[in-house]
Amino acid sequence: MSGQSSKRMERLQIMVSEDELKALDDWRFKSRMPSRAAAIRELLQRGLAAEGYFSTARDGSASRDFGVLDSNSGKPE
């Protein structure tokens, strides 16, 4: 997914409990994720990958690299 340049055009809002937010933030900081949004996209991608939909993001990627679709084809990577 490196080099992803397509803009994110959809906003997804979710409500989480304090415990879920703490778990997310703990995982984010441990994993050195640049933002909560990047952490959520990474976890979403990992969950989808576990179900056979997408490959897991690579370490060392920038926040913009944590999308779900391949920027060139618009299809799962």
N, C-alpha and C. Protein backbone atom coordinates (compact mmCIF):
# COMPACT_ATOMS: atom_id res chain seq x y z
N MET A 1 0.80 -1.19 0.00
CA MET A 1 0.00 0.00 0.00
C MET A 1 0.84 1.25 0.00
N SER A 2 2.13 1.13 0.07
CA SER A 2 2.95 2.33 0.08
C SER A 2 2.70 3.14 -1.17
N GLY A 3 2.78 4.47 -1.04
CA GLY A 3 2.53 5.33 -2.18
C GLY A 3 1.07 5.60 -2.42
N GLN A 4 0.21 5.26 -1.48
CA GLN A 4 -1.22 5.49 -1.67
C GLN A 4 -1.48 6.98 -1.78
N SER A 5 -2.13 7.41 -2.85
CA SER A 5 -2.35 8.83 -3.05
C SER A 5 -3.82 9.19 -3.16
N SER A 6 -4.72 8.22 -3.21
CA SER A 6 -6.13 8.54 -3.34
C SER A 6 -6.64 9.16 -2.04
N LYS A 7 -7.55 10.11 -2.18
CA LYS A 7 -8.11 10.78 -1.01
C LYS A 7 -9.16 9.91 -0.37
N ARG A 8 -9.25 10.01 0.92
CA ARG A 8 -10.31 9.31 1.64
C ARG A 8 -11.54 10.18 1.58
N MET A 9 -12.59 9.68 0.97
CA MET A 9 -13.78 10.48 0.71
C MET A 9 -14.94 10.15 1.65
N GLU A 10 -14.81 9.13 2.45
CA GLU A 10 -15.89 8.73 3.34
C GLU A 10 -15.44 8.87 4.79
N ARG A 11 -16.32 9.42 5.60
CA ARG A 11 -16.05 9.53 7.04
C ARG A 11 -16.87 8.46 7.74
N LEU A 12 -16.24 7.78 8.67
CA LEU A 12 -16.90 6.75 9.44
C LEU A 12 -16.78 7.14 10.91
N GLN A 13 -17.90 7.39 11.53
CA GLN A 13 -17.89 7.74 12.95
C GLN A 13 -18.35 6.54 13.76
N ILE A 14 -17.67 6.30 14.87
CA ILE A 14 -18.07 5.21 15.76
C ILE A 14 -18.03 5.72 17.20
N MET A 15 -18.83 5.13 18.02
CA MET A 15 -18.81 5.41 19.45
C MET A 15 -18.12 4.23 20.12
N VAL A 16 -17.23 4.52 21.06
CA VAL A 16 -16.52 3.47 21.79
C VAL A 16 -16.62 3.75 23.28
N SER A 17 -16.48 2.71 24.05
CA SER A 17 -16.48 2.87 25.51
C SER A 17 -15.10 3.38 25.95
N GLU A 18 -15.01 3.80 27.19
CA GLU A 18 -13.72 4.25 27.72
C GLU A 18 -12.70 3.11 27.69
N ASP A 19 -13.15 1.90 28.00
CA ASP A 19 -12.25 0.75 27.97
C ASP A 19 -11.75 0.46 26.55
N GLU A 20 -12.63 0.55 25.57
CA GLU A 20 -12.23 0.32 24.18
C GLU A 20 -11.24 1.40 23.74
N LEU A 21 -11.48 2.64 24.11
CA LEU A 21 -10.58 3.73 23.74
C LEU A 21 -9.22 3.55 24.40
N LYS A 22 -9.21 3.14 25.66
CA LYS A 22 -7.93 2.90 26.34
C LYS A 22 -7.17 1.77 25.66
N ALA A 23 -7.88 0.69 25.33
CA ALA A 23 -7.22 -0.43 24.65
C ALA A 23 -6.66 0.01 23.29
N LEU A 24 -7.44 0.80 22.57
CA LEU A 24 -6.98 1.31 21.27
C LEU A 24 -5.74 2.17 21.43
N ASP A 25 -5.79 3.11 22.37
CA ASP A 25 -4.64 4.00 22.58
C ASP A 25 -3.42 3.24 23.07
N ASP A 26 -3.60 2.27 23.97
CA ASP A 26 -2.47 1.45 24.43
C ASP A 26 -1.83 0.72 23.26
N TRP A 27 -2.67 0.10 22.41
CA TRP A 27 -2.15 -0.62 21.24
C TRP A 27 -1.47 0.34 20.27
N ARG A 28 -2.10 1.50 20.06
CA ARG A 28 -1.55 2.50 19.13
C ARG A 28 -0.15 2.93 19.56
N PHE A 29 0.03 3.26 20.82
CA PHE A 29 1.34 3.74 21.28
C PHE A 29 2.36 2.62 21.27
N LYS A 30 1.95 1.41 21.68
CA LYS A 30 2.86 0.27 21.65
C LYS A 30 3.31 -0.03 20.21
N SER A 31 2.38 0.14 19.27
CA SER A 31 2.68 -0.15 17.86
C SER A 31 3.25 1.05 17.10
N ARG A 32 3.40 2.17 17.81
CA ARG A 32 3.94 3.41 17.22
C ARG A 32 3.15 3.88 16.00
N MET A 33 1.84 3.82 16.14
CA MET A 33 0.97 4.29 15.07
C MET A 33 0.91 5.82 15.14
N PRO A 34 0.86 6.50 14.00
CA PRO A 34 0.91 7.97 13.99
C PRO A 34 -0.37 8.65 14.47
N SER A 35 -1.50 7.95 14.46
CA SER A 35 -2.77 8.57 14.86
C SER A 35 -3.77 7.48 15.23
N ARG A 36 -4.85 7.90 15.89
CA ARG A 36 -5.92 6.95 16.18
C ARG A 36 -6.54 6.43 14.88
N ALA A 37 -6.71 7.32 13.93
CA ALA A 37 -7.31 6.91 12.65
C ALA A 37 -6.45 5.84 11.97
N ALA A 38 -5.14 6.04 11.98
CA ALA A 38 -4.24 5.05 11.37
C ALA A 38 -4.32 3.73 12.12
N ALA A 39 -4.41 3.80 13.46
CA ALA A 39 -4.52 2.59 14.26
C ALA A 39 -5.81 1.84 13.95
N ILE A 40 -6.90 2.57 13.84
CA ILE A 40 -8.19 1.94 13.53
C ILE A 40 -8.16 1.32 12.14
N ARG A 41 -7.58 2.02 11.16
CA ARG A 41 -7.48 1.45 9.81
C ARG A 41 -6.62 0.19 9.82
N GLU A 42 -5.52 0.21 10.58
CA GLU A 42 -4.64 -0.96 10.67
C GLU A 42 -5.39 -2.14 11.29
N LEU A 43 -6.11 -1.89 12.38
CA LEU A 43 -6.86 -2.97 13.02
C LEU A 43 -7.98 -3.49 12.12
N LEU A 44 -8.63 -2.59 11.41
CA LEU A 44 -9.65 -2.99 10.45
C LEU A 44 -9.05 -3.87 9.37
N GLN A 45 -7.92 -3.44 8.85
CA GLN A 45 -7.26 -4.22 7.80
C GLN A 45 -6.82 -5.59 8.33
N ARG A 46 -6.29 -5.63 9.54
CA ARG A 46 -5.88 -6.92 10.11
C ARG A 46 -7.08 -7.84 10.31
N GLY A 47 -8.19 -7.29 10.77
CA GLY A 47 -9.39 -8.10 10.94
C GLY A 47 -9.89 -8.64 9.62
N LEU A 48 -9.88 -7.79 8.59
CA LEU A 48 -10.32 -8.23 7.27
C LEU A 48 -9.34 -9.25 6.69
N ALA A 49 -8.04 -9.05 6.95
CA ALA A 49 -7.04 -10.00 6.48
C ALA A 49 -7.24 -11.36 7.15
N ALA A 50 -7.58 -11.34 8.44
CA ALA A 50 -7.81 -12.59 9.16
C ALA A 50 -8.98 -13.37 8.57
N GLU A 51 -9.90 -12.64 7.98
CA GLU A 51 -11.05 -13.27 7.33
C GLU A 51 -10.79 -13.56 5.85
N GLY A 52 -9.55 -13.27 5.39
CA GLY A 52 -9.17 -13.59 4.03
C GLY A 52 -9.44 -12.49 3.01
N TYR A 53 -9.65 -11.25 3.46
CA TYR A 53 -9.98 -10.18 2.52
C TYR A 53 -8.79 -9.35 2.09
N PHE A 54 -7.90 -8.98 3.01
CA PHE A 54 -6.80 -8.07 2.68
C PHE A 54 -5.51 -8.53 3.35
N SER A 55 -4.39 -8.07 2.78
CA SER A 55 -3.10 -8.35 3.41
C SER A 55 -2.83 -7.30 4.48
N THR A 56 -2.03 -7.64 5.47
CA THR A 56 -1.74 -6.74 6.58
C THR A 56 -0.75 -5.65 6.15
N ALA A 57 -0.94 -4.46 6.67
CA ALA A 57 -0.06 -3.33 6.36
C ALA A 57 1.36 -3.62 6.84
N ARG A 58 2.31 -3.05 6.16
CA ARG A 58 3.71 -3.24 6.48
C ARG A 58 4.16 -2.25 7.55
N ASP A 59 5.15 -2.67 8.36
CA ASP A 59 5.73 -1.77 9.36
C ASP A 59 6.48 -0.65 8.67
N GLY A 60 6.58 0.49 9.33
CA GLY A 60 7.33 1.61 8.80
C GLY A 60 6.56 2.44 7.78
N SER A 61 5.28 2.19 7.62
CA SER A 61 4.47 2.93 6.66
C SER A 61 4.02 4.25 7.27
N ALA A 62 3.78 5.23 6.42
CA ALA A 62 3.25 6.51 6.85
C ALA A 62 1.75 6.38 7.08
N SER A 63 1.17 7.33 7.78
CA SER A 63 -0.26 7.31 8.05
C SER A 63 -1.07 7.16 6.78
N ARG A 64 -0.65 7.84 5.70
CA ARG A 64 -1.41 7.78 4.44
C ARG A 64 -1.38 6.37 3.83
N ASP A 65 -0.44 5.53 4.29
CA ASP A 65 -0.33 4.17 3.77
C ASP A 65 -1.27 3.19 4.44
N PHE A 66 -2.02 3.64 5.44
CA PHE A 66 -2.88 2.73 6.18
C PHE A 66 -4.31 2.76 5.67
N GLY A 67 -4.46 2.70 4.36
CA GLY A 67 -5.77 2.57 3.75
C GLY A 67 -6.07 1.10 3.54
N VAL A 68 -7.23 0.81 3.05
CA VAL A 68 -7.63 -0.58 2.85
C VAL A 68 -7.48 -1.00 1.40
N LEU A 69 -7.58 -0.06 0.46
CA LEU A 69 -7.53 -0.39 -0.96
C LEU A 69 -6.22 0.03 -1.59
N ASP A 70 -5.82 -0.70 -2.62
CA ASP A 70 -4.66 -0.35 -3.43
C ASP A 70 -5.00 0.92 -4.20
N SER A 71 -4.15 1.94 -4.11
CA SER A 71 -4.46 3.23 -4.71
C SER A 71 -4.48 3.18 -6.24
N ASN A 72 -3.79 2.25 -6.85
CA ASN A 72 -3.73 2.19 -8.30
C ASN A 72 -4.98 1.57 -8.92
N SER A 73 -5.50 0.55 -8.29
CA SER A 73 -6.61 -0.16 -8.89
C SER A 73 -7.93 0.06 -8.17
N GLY A 74 -7.87 0.58 -6.94
CA GLY A 74 -9.08 0.71 -6.16
C GLY A 74 -9.58 -0.62 -5.64
N LYS A 75 -8.75 -1.66 -5.78
CA LYS A 75 -9.12 -2.99 -5.33
C LYS A 75 -8.26 -3.37 -4.13
N PRO A 76 -8.70 -4.36 -3.36
CA PRO A 76 -7.90 -4.82 -2.22
C PRO A 76 -6.51 -5.23 -2.68
N GLU A 77 -5.55 -4.92 -1.86
CA GLU A 77 -4.17 -5.26 -2.19
C GLU A 77 -3.92 -6.72 -1.96
